């Protein structure tokens, strides 16, 4: 995945995401309360807002696992991009 702009807020009911930072930097907004998400596919929500999440800087070489049912969003600092591998793992 290559980002040149902020990603959508995501929430997966049955899958965890594992991010492997490849190049660039970003901020991961994760956790908190997910408000007004829209169901876009079975077990998947997008958009809405995250209230009270934690911000974590990401860079090349970083690995982070986001459990199922945890809202998250990749945010970019102005003028930066971020490339990362995303592995989706079944997990309830």
PDB file of N, CA and C in Angstrom:
ATOM      1  N   UNK A   1       0.853  -1.161   0.000  1.00  0.00           N
ATOM      2  CA  UNK A   1       0.000   0.000   0.000  1.00  0.00           C
ATOM      3  C   UNK A   1       0.902   1.227   0.000  1.00  0.00           C
ATOM      4  N   UNK A   2       0.586   2.171  -0.858  1.00  0.00           N
ATOM      5  CA  UNK A   2       1.329   3.433  -0.889  1.00  0.00           C
ATOM      6  C   UNK A   2       0.348   4.567  -0.652  1.00  0.00           C
ATOM      7  N   UNK A   3       0.631   5.382   0.349  1.00  0.00           N
ATOM      8  CA  UNK A   3      -0.254   6.498   0.680  1.00  0.00           C
ATOM      9  C   UNK A   3       0.447   7.817   0.413  1.00  0.00           C
ATOM     10  N   UNK A   4      -0.302   8.701  -0.263  1.00  0.00           N
ATOM     11  CA  UNK A   4       0.137  10.080  -0.457  1.00  0.00           C
ATOM     12  C   UNK A   4      -0.861  11.039   0.180  1.00  0.00           C
ATOM     13  N   UNK A   5      -1.896  10.473   0.817  1.00  0.00           N
ATOM     14  CA  UNK A   5      -2.926  11.238   1.526  1.00  0.00           C
ATOM     15  C   UNK A   5      -3.448  10.364   2.668  1.00  0.00           C
ATOM     16  N   UNK A   6      -4.175  10.974   3.589  1.00  0.00           N
ATOM     17  CA  UNK A   6      -4.748  10.226   4.705  1.00  0.00           C
ATOM     18  C   UNK A   6      -5.634   9.091   4.209  1.00  0.00           C
ATOM     19  N   UNK A   7      -5.609   7.980   4.914  1.00  0.00           N
ATOM     20  CA  UNK A   7      -6.506   6.872   4.610  1.00  0.00           C
ATOM     21  C   UNK A   7      -7.844   7.073   5.301  1.00  0.00           C
ATOM     22  N   UNK A   8      -8.814   6.262   4.930  1.00  0.00           N
ATOM     23  CA  UNK A   8     -10.126   6.291   5.578  1.00  0.00           C
ATOM     24  C   UNK A   8     -10.024   5.638   6.954  1.00  0.00           C
ATOM     25  N   UNK A   9     -10.944   5.983   7.818  1.00  0.00           N
ATOM     26  CA  UNK A   9     -11.070   5.250   9.073  1.00  0.00           C
ATOM     27  C   UNK A   9     -11.607   3.874   8.714  1.00  0.00           C
ATOM     28  N   UNK A  10     -11.021   2.839   9.330  1.00  0.00           N
ATOM     29  CA  UNK A  10     -11.417   1.460   9.055  1.00  0.00           C
ATOM     30  C   UNK A  10     -11.741   0.730  10.358  1.00  0.00           C
ATOM     31  N   UNK A  11     -12.637  -0.250  10.253  1.00  0.00           N
ATOM     32  CA  UNK A  11     -12.998  -1.127  11.359  1.00  0.00           C
ATOM     33  C   UNK A  11     -13.330  -2.483  10.757  1.00  0.00           C
ATOM     34  N   UNK A  12     -12.644  -3.530  11.204  1.00  0.00           N
ATOM     35  CA  UNK A  12     -12.840  -4.887  10.690  1.00  0.00           C
ATOM     36  C   UNK A  12     -13.338  -5.769  11.835  1.00  0.00           C
ATOM     37  N   UNK A  13     -14.483  -6.380  11.645  1.00  0.00           N
ATOM     38  CA  UNK A  13     -15.066  -7.203  12.706  1.00  0.00           C
ATOM     39  C   UNK A  13     -14.325  -8.524  12.892  1.00  0.00           C
ATOM     40  N   UNK A  14     -13.836  -9.115  11.808  1.00  0.00           N
ATOM     41  CA  UNK A  14     -13.286 -10.474  11.901  1.00  0.00           C
ATOM     42  C   UNK A  14     -11.829 -10.592  11.480  1.00  0.00           C
ATOM     43  N   UNK A  15     -11.164  -9.487  11.174  1.00  0.00           N
ATOM     44  CA  UNK A  15      -9.766  -9.545  10.731  1.00  0.00           C
ATOM     45  C   UNK A  15      -8.912  -8.557  11.508  1.00  0.00           C
ATOM     46  N   UNK A  16      -7.688  -8.972  11.799  1.00  0.00           N
ATOM     47  CA  UNK A  16      -6.714  -8.019  12.312  1.00  0.00           C
ATOM     48  C   UNK A  16      -5.855  -7.583  11.130  1.00  0.00           C
ATOM     49  N   UNK A  17      -5.292  -6.375  11.228  1.00  0.00           N
ATOM     50  CA  UNK A  17      -4.364  -5.862  10.223  1.00  0.00           C
ATOM     51  C   UNK A  17      -2.968  -5.870  10.819  1.00  0.00           C
ATOM     52  N   UNK A  18      -1.992  -6.266  10.030  1.00  0.00           N
ATOM     53  CA  UNK A  18      -0.590  -6.186  10.430  1.00  0.00           C
ATOM     54  C   UNK A  18       0.107  -5.315   9.394  1.00  0.00           C
ATOM     55  N   UNK A  19       0.674  -4.196   9.836  1.00  0.00           N
ATOM     56  CA  UNK A  19       1.360  -3.248   8.959  1.00  0.00           C
ATOM     57  C   UNK A  19       2.868  -3.441   9.101  1.00  0.00           C
ATOM     58  N   UNK A  20       3.551  -3.485   7.961  1.00  0.00           N
ATOM     59  CA  UNK A  20       5.004  -3.543   7.909  1.00  0.00           C
ATOM     60  C   UNK A  20       5.478  -2.299   7.176  1.00  0.00           C
ATOM     61  N   UNK A  21       6.051  -1.334   7.893  1.00  0.00           N
ATOM     62  CA  UNK A  21       6.510  -0.091   7.282  1.00  0.00           C
ATOM     63  C   UNK A  21       7.651  -0.343   6.301  1.00  0.00           C
ATOM     64  N   UNK A  22       7.530   0.196   5.082  1.00  0.00           N
ATOM     65  CA  UNK A  22       8.535   0.000   4.039  1.00  0.00           C
ATOM     66  C   UNK A  22       9.376   1.260   3.801  1.00  0.00           C
ATOM     67  N   UNK A  23       8.691   2.406   3.652  1.00  0.00           N
ATOM     68  CA  UNK A  23       9.408   3.671   3.455  1.00  0.00           C
ATOM     69  C   UNK A  23       8.511   4.837   3.852  1.00  0.00           C
ATOM     70  N   UNK A  24       9.140   5.959   4.187  1.00  0.00           N
ATOM     71  CA  UNK A  24       8.394   7.146   4.565  1.00  0.00           C
ATOM     72  C   UNK A  24       7.943   7.100   6.010  1.00  0.00           C
ATOM     73  N   UNK A  25       7.065   8.035   6.362  1.00  0.00           N
ATOM     74  CA  UNK A  25       6.533   8.117   7.727  1.00  0.00           C
ATOM     75  C   UNK A  25       5.039   8.418   7.688  1.00  0.00           C
ATOM     76  N   UNK A  26       4.366   8.064   8.775  1.00  0.00           N
ATOM     77  CA  UNK A  26       2.935   8.331   8.918  1.00  0.00           C
ATOM     78  C   UNK A  26       2.605   8.318  10.403  1.00  0.00           C
ATOM     79  N   UNK A  27       1.371   8.648  10.714  1.00  0.00           N
ATOM     80  CA  UNK A  27       0.853   8.536  12.070  1.00  0.00           C
ATOM     81  C   UNK A  27      -0.343   7.606  12.027  1.00  0.00           C
ATOM     82  N   UNK A  28      -0.356   6.627  12.905  1.00  0.00           N
ATOM     83  CA  UNK A  28      -1.478   5.712  13.030  1.00  0.00           C
ATOM     84  C   UNK A  28      -2.363   6.197  14.165  1.00  0.00           C
ATOM     85  N   UNK A  29      -3.616   6.479  13.864  1.00  0.00           N
ATOM     86  CA  UNK A  29      -4.626   6.779  14.876  1.00  0.00           C
ATOM     87  C   UNK A  29      -5.356   5.472  15.134  1.00  0.00           C
ATOM     88  N   UNK A  30      -5.326   4.983  16.378  1.00  0.00           N
ATOM     89  CA  UNK A  30      -5.854   3.646  16.660  1.00  0.00           C
ATOM     90  C   UNK A  30      -6.552   3.626  18.018  1.00  0.00           C
ATOM     91  N   UNK A  31      -7.601   2.792  18.099  1.00  0.00           N
ATOM     92  CA  UNK A  31      -8.327   2.619  19.345  1.00  0.00           C
ATOM     93  C   UNK A  31      -9.380   3.691  19.544  1.00  0.00           C
ATOM     94  N   UNK A  32      -9.798   3.862  20.766  1.00  0.00           N
ATOM     95  CA  UNK A  32     -10.840   4.835  21.067  1.00  0.00           C
ATOM     96  C   UNK A  32     -12.214   4.296  20.715  1.00  0.00           C
ATOM     97  N   UNK A  33     -13.149   5.207  20.573  1.00  0.00           N
ATOM     98  CA  UNK A  33     -14.538   4.861  20.257  1.00  0.00           C
ATOM     99  C   UNK A  33     -14.828   5.224  18.811  1.00  0.00           C
ATOM    100  N   UNK A  34     -15.370   4.280  18.074  1.00  0.00           N
ATOM    101  CA  UNK A  34     -15.709   4.481  16.661  1.00  0.00           C
ATOM    102  C   UNK A  34     -17.151   4.980  16.581  1.00  0.00           C
ATOM    103  N   UNK A  35     -17.351   6.135  15.947  1.00  0.00           N
ATOM    104  CA  UNK A  35     -18.662   6.768  15.901  1.00  0.00           C
ATOM    105  C   UNK A  35     -19.112   6.966  14.454  1.00  0.00           C
ATOM    106  N   UNK A  36     -20.355   6.585  14.154  1.00  0.00           N
ATOM    107  CA  UNK A  36     -21.002   6.828  12.858  1.00  0.00           C
ATOM    108  C   UNK A  36     -20.308   6.185  11.662  1.00  0.00           C
ATOM    109  N   UNK A  37     -19.738   5.004  11.849  1.00  0.00           N
ATOM    110  CA  UNK A  37     -19.161   4.284  10.719  1.00  0.00           C
ATOM    111  C   UNK A  37     -20.237   3.737   9.800  1.00  0.00           C
ATOM    112  N   UNK A  38     -19.880   3.583   8.530  1.00  0.00           N
ATOM    113  CA  UNK A  38     -20.804   3.049   7.524  1.00  0.00           C
ATOM    114  C   UNK A  38     -20.378   1.639   7.132  1.00  0.00           C
ATOM    115  N   UNK A  39     -21.320   0.704   7.112  1.00  0.00           N
ATOM    116  CA  UNK A  39     -21.014  -0.642   6.655  1.00  0.00           C
ATOM    117  C   UNK A  39     -20.810  -0.600   5.146  1.00  0.00           C
ATOM    118  N   UNK A  40     -19.632  -1.046   4.687  1.00  0.00           N
ATOM    119  CA  UNK A  40     -19.311  -1.013   3.255  1.00  0.00           C
ATOM    120  C   UNK A  40     -19.221  -2.412   2.656  1.00  0.00           C
ATOM    121  N   UNK A  41     -19.141  -3.419   3.505  1.00  0.00           N
ATOM    122  CA  UNK A  41     -19.103  -4.825   3.095  1.00  0.00           C
ATOM    123  C   UNK A  41     -19.374  -5.632   4.363  1.00  0.00           C
ATOM    124  N   UNK A  42     -19.687  -6.927   4.217  1.00  0.00           N
ATOM    125  CA  UNK A  42     -19.903  -7.724   5.423  1.00  0.00           C
ATOM    126  C   UNK A  42     -18.691  -7.636   6.359  1.00  0.00           C
ATOM    127  N   UNK A  43     -18.941  -7.315   7.611  1.00  0.00           N
ATOM    128  CA  UNK A  43     -17.912  -7.249   8.656  1.00  0.00           C
ATOM    129  C   UNK A  43     -16.915  -6.102   8.476  1.00  0.00           C
ATOM    130  N   UNK A  44     -17.230  -5.109   7.626  1.00  0.00           N
ATOM    131  CA  UNK A  44     -16.320  -3.991   7.350  1.00  0.00           C
ATOM    132  C   UNK A  44     -17.056  -2.665   7.445  1.00  0.00           C
ATOM    133  N   UNK A  45     -16.450  -1.709   8.171  1.00  0.00           N
ATOM    134  CA  UNK A  45     -16.992  -0.360   8.240  1.00  0.00           C
ATOM    135  C   UNK A  45     -15.909   0.642   7.863  1.00  0.00           C
ATOM    136  N   UNK A  46     -16.335   1.805   7.370  1.00  0.00           N
ATOM    137  CA  UNK A  46     -15.422   2.877   6.974  1.00  0.00           C
ATOM    138  C   UNK A  46     -16.034   4.218   7.381  1.00  0.00           C
ATOM    139  N   UNK A  47     -15.200   5.237   7.278  1.00  0.00           N
ATOM    140  CA  UNK A  47     -15.592   6.627   7.528  1.00  0.00           C
ATOM    141  C   UNK A  47     -15.960   6.844   8.987  1.00  0.00           C
ATOM    142  N   UNK A  48     -16.834   7.785   9.285  1.00  0.00           N
ATOM    143  CA  UNK A  48     -17.158   8.117  10.662  1.00  0.00           C
ATOM    144  C   UNK A  48     -16.009   8.871  11.319  1.00  0.00           C
ATOM    145  N   UNK A  49     -15.920   8.754  12.644  1.00  0.00           N
ATOM    146  CA  UNK A  49     -14.853   9.405  13.399  1.00  0.00           C
ATOM    147  C   UNK A  49     -14.350   8.479  14.504  1.00  0.00           C
ATOM    148  N   UNK A  50     -13.151   8.765  14.968  1.00  0.00           N
ATOM    149  CA  UNK A  50     -12.580   8.064  16.108  1.00  0.00           C
ATOM    150  C   UNK A  50     -12.460   9.084  17.234  1.00  0.00           C
ATOM    151  N   UNK A  51     -13.050   8.767  18.371  1.00  0.00           N
ATOM    152  CA  UNK A  51     -12.948   9.640  19.537  1.00  0.00           C
ATOM    153  C   UNK A  51     -12.047   8.983  20.574  1.00  0.00           C
ATOM    154  N   UNK A  52     -11.033   9.723  21.009  1.00  0.00           N
ATOM    155  CA  UNK A  52     -10.174   9.230  22.084  1.00  0.00           C
ATOM    156  C   UNK A  52      -9.136   8.218  21.668  1.00  0.00           C
ATOM    157  N   UNK A  53      -8.821   8.111  20.384  1.00  0.00           N
ATOM    158  CA  UNK A  53      -7.792   7.189  19.939  1.00  0.00           C
ATOM    159  C   UNK A  53      -6.396   7.658  20.325  1.00  0.00           C
ATOM    160  N   UNK A  54      -5.421   6.786  20.139  1.00  0.00           N
ATOM    161  CA  UNK A  54      -4.014   7.071  20.427  1.00  0.00           C
ATOM    162  C   UNK A  54      -3.281   7.252  19.097  1.00  0.00           C
ATOM    163  N   UNK A  55      -2.372   8.210  19.042  1.00  0.00           N
ATOM    164  CA  UNK A  55      -1.561   8.446  17.843  1.00  0.00           C
ATOM    165  C   UNK A  55      -0.179   7.828  18.031  1.00  0.00           C
ATOM    166  N   UNK A  56       0.243   7.065  17.014  1.00  0.00           N
ATOM    167  CA  UNK A  56       1.535   6.394  17.062  1.00  0.00           C
ATOM    168  C   UNK A  56       2.266   6.660  15.759  1.00  0.00           C
ATOM    169  N   UNK A  57       3.489   7.169  15.832  1.00  0.00           N
ATOM    170  CA  UNK A  57       4.296   7.417  14.633  1.00  0.00           C
ATOM    171  C   UNK A  57       4.722   6.087  14.024  1.00  0.00           C
ATOM    172  N   UNK A  58       4.708   6.014  12.691  1.00  0.00           N
ATOM    173  CA  UNK A  58       5.157   4.831  11.962  1.00  0.00           C
ATOM    174  C   UNK A  58       6.253   5.230  10.986  1.00  0.00           C
ATOM    175  N   UNK A  59       7.227   4.352  10.793  1.00  0.00           N
ATOM    176  CA  UNK A  59       8.322   4.587   9.852  1.00  0.00           C
ATOM    177  C   UNK A  59       8.774   3.251   9.272  1.00  0.00           C
ATOM    178  N   UNK A  60       9.673   3.325   8.312  1.00  0.00           N
ATOM    179  CA  UNK A  60      10.229   2.109   7.701  1.00  0.00           C
ATOM    180  C   UNK A  60      10.799   1.208   8.798  1.00  0.00           C
ATOM    181  N   UNK A  61      10.505  -0.091   8.719  1.00  0.00           N
ATOM    182  CA  UNK A  61      10.983  -1.062   9.682  1.00  0.00           C
ATOM    183  C   UNK A  61      10.016  -1.325  10.827  1.00  0.00           C
ATOM    184  N   UNK A  62       9.037  -0.456  11.019  1.00  0.00           N
ATOM    185  CA  UNK A  62       8.062  -0.662  12.092  1.00  0.00           C
ATOM    186  C   UNK A  62       7.057  -1.745  11.704  1.00  0.00           C
ATOM    187  N   UNK A  63       6.625  -2.505  12.701  1.00  0.00           N
ATOM    188  CA  UNK A  63       5.581  -3.516  12.527  1.00  0.00           C
ATOM    189  C   UNK A  63       4.538  -3.266  13.607  1.00  0.00           C
ATOM    190  N   UNK A  64       3.284  -3.205  13.201  1.00  0.00           N
ATOM    191  CA  UNK A  64       2.206  -2.985  14.165  1.00  0.00           C
ATOM    192  C   UNK A  64       1.029  -3.895  13.818  1.00  0.00           C
ATOM    193  N   UNK A  65       0.415  -4.476  14.856  1.00  0.00           N
ATOM    194  CA  UNK A  65      -0.767  -5.327  14.680  1.00  0.00           C
ATOM    195  C   UNK A  65      -1.968  -4.608  15.268  1.00  0.00           C
ATOM    196  N   UNK A  66      -3.027  -4.516  14.475  1.00  0.00           N
ATOM    197  CA  UNK A  66      -4.267  -3.888  14.913  1.00  0.00           C
ATOM    198  C   UNK A  66      -5.316  -4.997  15.019  1.00  0.00           C
ATOM    199  N   UNK A  67      -5.740  -5.319  16.235  1.00  0.00           N
ATOM    200  CA  UNK A  67      -6.700  -6.417  16.397  1.00  0.00           C
ATOM    201  C   UNK A  67      -8.043  -6.124  15.738  1.00  0.00           C
ATOM    202  N   UNK A  68      -8.798  -7.181  15.477  1.00  0.00           N
ATOM    203  CA  UNK A  68     -10.170  -7.034  14.982  1.00  0.00           C
ATOM    204  C   UNK A  68     -10.958  -6.157  15.943  1.00  0.00           C
ATOM    205  N   UNK A  69     -11.919  -5.430  15.407  1.00  0.00           N
ATOM    206  CA  UNK A  69     -12.840  -4.573  16.160  1.00  0.00           C
ATOM    207  C   UNK A  69     -12.172  -3.341  16.776  1.00  0.00           C
ATOM    208  N   UNK A  70     -11.002  -2.961  16.267  1.00  0.00           N
ATOM    209  CA  UNK A  70     -10.317  -1.755  16.739  1.00  0.00           C
ATOM    210  C   UNK A  70     -10.277  -0.755  15.586  1.00  0.00           C
ATOM    211  N   UNK A  71     -10.874   0.425  15.754  1.00  0.00           N
ATOM    212  CA  UNK A  71     -10.847   1.416  14.675  1.00  0.00           C
ATOM    213  C   UNK A  71      -9.433   1.954  14.472  1.00  0.00           C
ATOM    214  N   UNK A  72      -9.115   2.288  13.211  1.00  0.00           N
ATOM    215  CA  UNK A  72      -7.786   2.803  12.914  1.00  0.00           C
ATOM    216  C   UNK A  72      -7.794   3.626  11.641  1.00  0.00           C
ATOM    217  N   UNK A  73      -6.795   4.504  11.523  1.00  0.00           N
ATOM    218  CA  UNK A  73      -6.646   5.365  10.353  1.00  0.00           C
ATOM    219  C   UNK A  73      -5.177   5.729  10.207  1.00  0.00           C
ATOM    220  N   UNK A  74      -4.671   5.706   8.974  1.00  0.00           N
ATOM    221  CA  UNK A  74      -3.314   6.150   8.677  1.00  0.00           C
ATOM    222  C   UNK A  74      -3.380   7.611   8.238  1.00  0.00           C
ATOM    223  N   UNK A  75      -2.638   8.449   8.946  1.00  0.00           N
ATOM    224  CA  UNK A  75      -2.607   9.882   8.665  1.00  0.00           C
ATOM    225  C   UNK A  75      -1.203  10.273   8.207  1.00  0.00           C
ATOM    226  N   UNK A  76      -1.131  11.157   7.228  1.00  0.00           N
ATOM    227  CA  UNK A  76       0.169  11.605   6.725  1.00  0.00           C
ATOM    228  C   UNK A  76       0.443  13.039   7.137  1.00  0.00           C
ATOM    229  N   UNK A  77       1.701  13.319   7.435  1.00  0.00           N
ATOM    230  CA  UNK A  77       2.124  14.695   7.648  1.00  0.00           C
ATOM    231  C   UNK A  77       2.239  15.353   6.285  1.00  0.00           C
ATOM    232  N   UNK A  78       1.964  16.641   6.233  1.00  0.00           N
ATOM    233  CA  UNK A  78       2.014  17.381   4.963  1.00  0.00           C
ATOM    234  C   UNK A  78       3.365  17.158   4.265  1.00  0.00           C
ATOM    235  N   UNK A  79       3.297  16.802   2.988  1.00  0.00           N
ATOM    236  CA  UNK A  79       4.494  16.627   2.178  1.00  0.00           C
ATOM    237  C   UNK A  79       5.179  15.279   2.327  1.00  0.00           C
ATOM    238  N   UNK A  80       4.609  14.370   3.119  1.00  0.00           N
ATOM    239  CA  UNK A  80       5.213  13.050   3.312  1.00  0.00           C
ATOM    240  C   UNK A  80       4.341  11.984   2.655  1.00  0.00           C
ATOM    241  N   UNK A  81       4.961  10.839   2.371  1.00  0.00           N
ATOM    242  CA  UNK A  81       4.200   9.681   1.914  1.00  0.00           C
ATOM    243  C   UNK A  81       4.625   8.491   2.756  1.00  0.00           C
ATOM    244  N   UNK A  82       3.916   7.378   2.600  1.00  0.00           N
ATOM    245  CA  UNK A  82       4.196   6.192   3.405  1.00  0.00           C
ATOM    246  C   UNK A  82       3.848   4.962   2.585  1.00  0.00           C
ATOM    247  N   UNK A  83       4.776   4.033   2.532  1.00  0.00           N
ATOM    248  CA  UNK A  83       4.561   2.761   1.849  1.00  0.00           C
ATOM    249  C   UNK A  83       4.675   1.652   2.884  1.00  0.00           C
ATOM    250  N   UNK A  84       3.692   0.748   2.870  1.00  0.00           N
ATOM    251  CA  UNK A  84       3.678  -0.332   3.847  1.00  0.00           C
ATOM    252  C   UNK A  84       2.959  -1.551   3.288  1.00  0.00           C
ATOM    253  N   UNK A  85       3.339  -2.698   3.789  1.00  0.00           N
ATOM    254  CA  UNK A  85       2.670  -3.958   3.450  1.00  0.00           C
ATOM    255  C   UNK A  85       1.599  -4.200   4.493  1.00  0.00           C
ATOM    256  N   UNK A  86       0.400  -4.576   4.038  1.00  0.00           N
ATOM    257  CA  UNK A  86      -0.699  -4.894   4.950  1.00  0.00           C
ATOM    258  C   UNK A  86      -1.015  -6.377   4.814  1.00  0.00           C
ATOM    259  N   UNK A  87      -0.981  -7.077   5.938  1.00  0.00           N
ATOM    260  CA  UNK A  87      -1.389  -8.490   5.986  1.00  0.00           C
ATOM    261  C   UNK A  87      -2.653  -8.548   6.824  1.00  0.00           C
ATOM    262  N   UNK A  88      -3.685  -9.186   6.281  1.00  0.00           N
ATOM    263  CA  UNK A  88      -4.951  -9.344   6.986  1.00  0.00           C
ATOM    264  C   UNK A  88      -5.002 -10.778   7.527  1.00  0.00           C
ATOM    265  N   UNK A  89      -5.258 -10.883   8.832  1.00  0.00           N
ATOM    266  CA  UNK A  89      -5.293 -12.198   9.476  1.00  0.00           C
ATOM    267  C   UNK A  89      -6.666 -12.401  10.107  1.00  0.00           C
ATOM    268  N   UNK A  90      -7.269 -13.563   9.869  1.00  0.00           N
ATOM    269  CA  UNK A  90      -8.544 -13.872  10.515  1.00  0.00           C
ATOM    270  C   UNK A  90      -8.335 -13.906  12.012  1.00  0.00           C
ATOM    271  N   UNK A  91      -9.214 -13.264  12.725  1.00  0.00           N
ATOM    272  CA  UNK A  91      -9.106 -13.240  14.177  1.00  0.00           C
ATOM    273  C   UNK A  91     -10.359 -12.662  14.780  1.00  0.00           C
ATOM    274  N   UNK A  92     -10.963 -13.330  15.697  1.00  0.00           N
ATOM    275  CA  UNK A  92     -12.214 -12.877  16.296  1.00  0.00           C
ATOM    276  C   UNK A  92     -11.960 -12.296  17.657  1.00  0.00           C
TER     277      UNK A  92
END
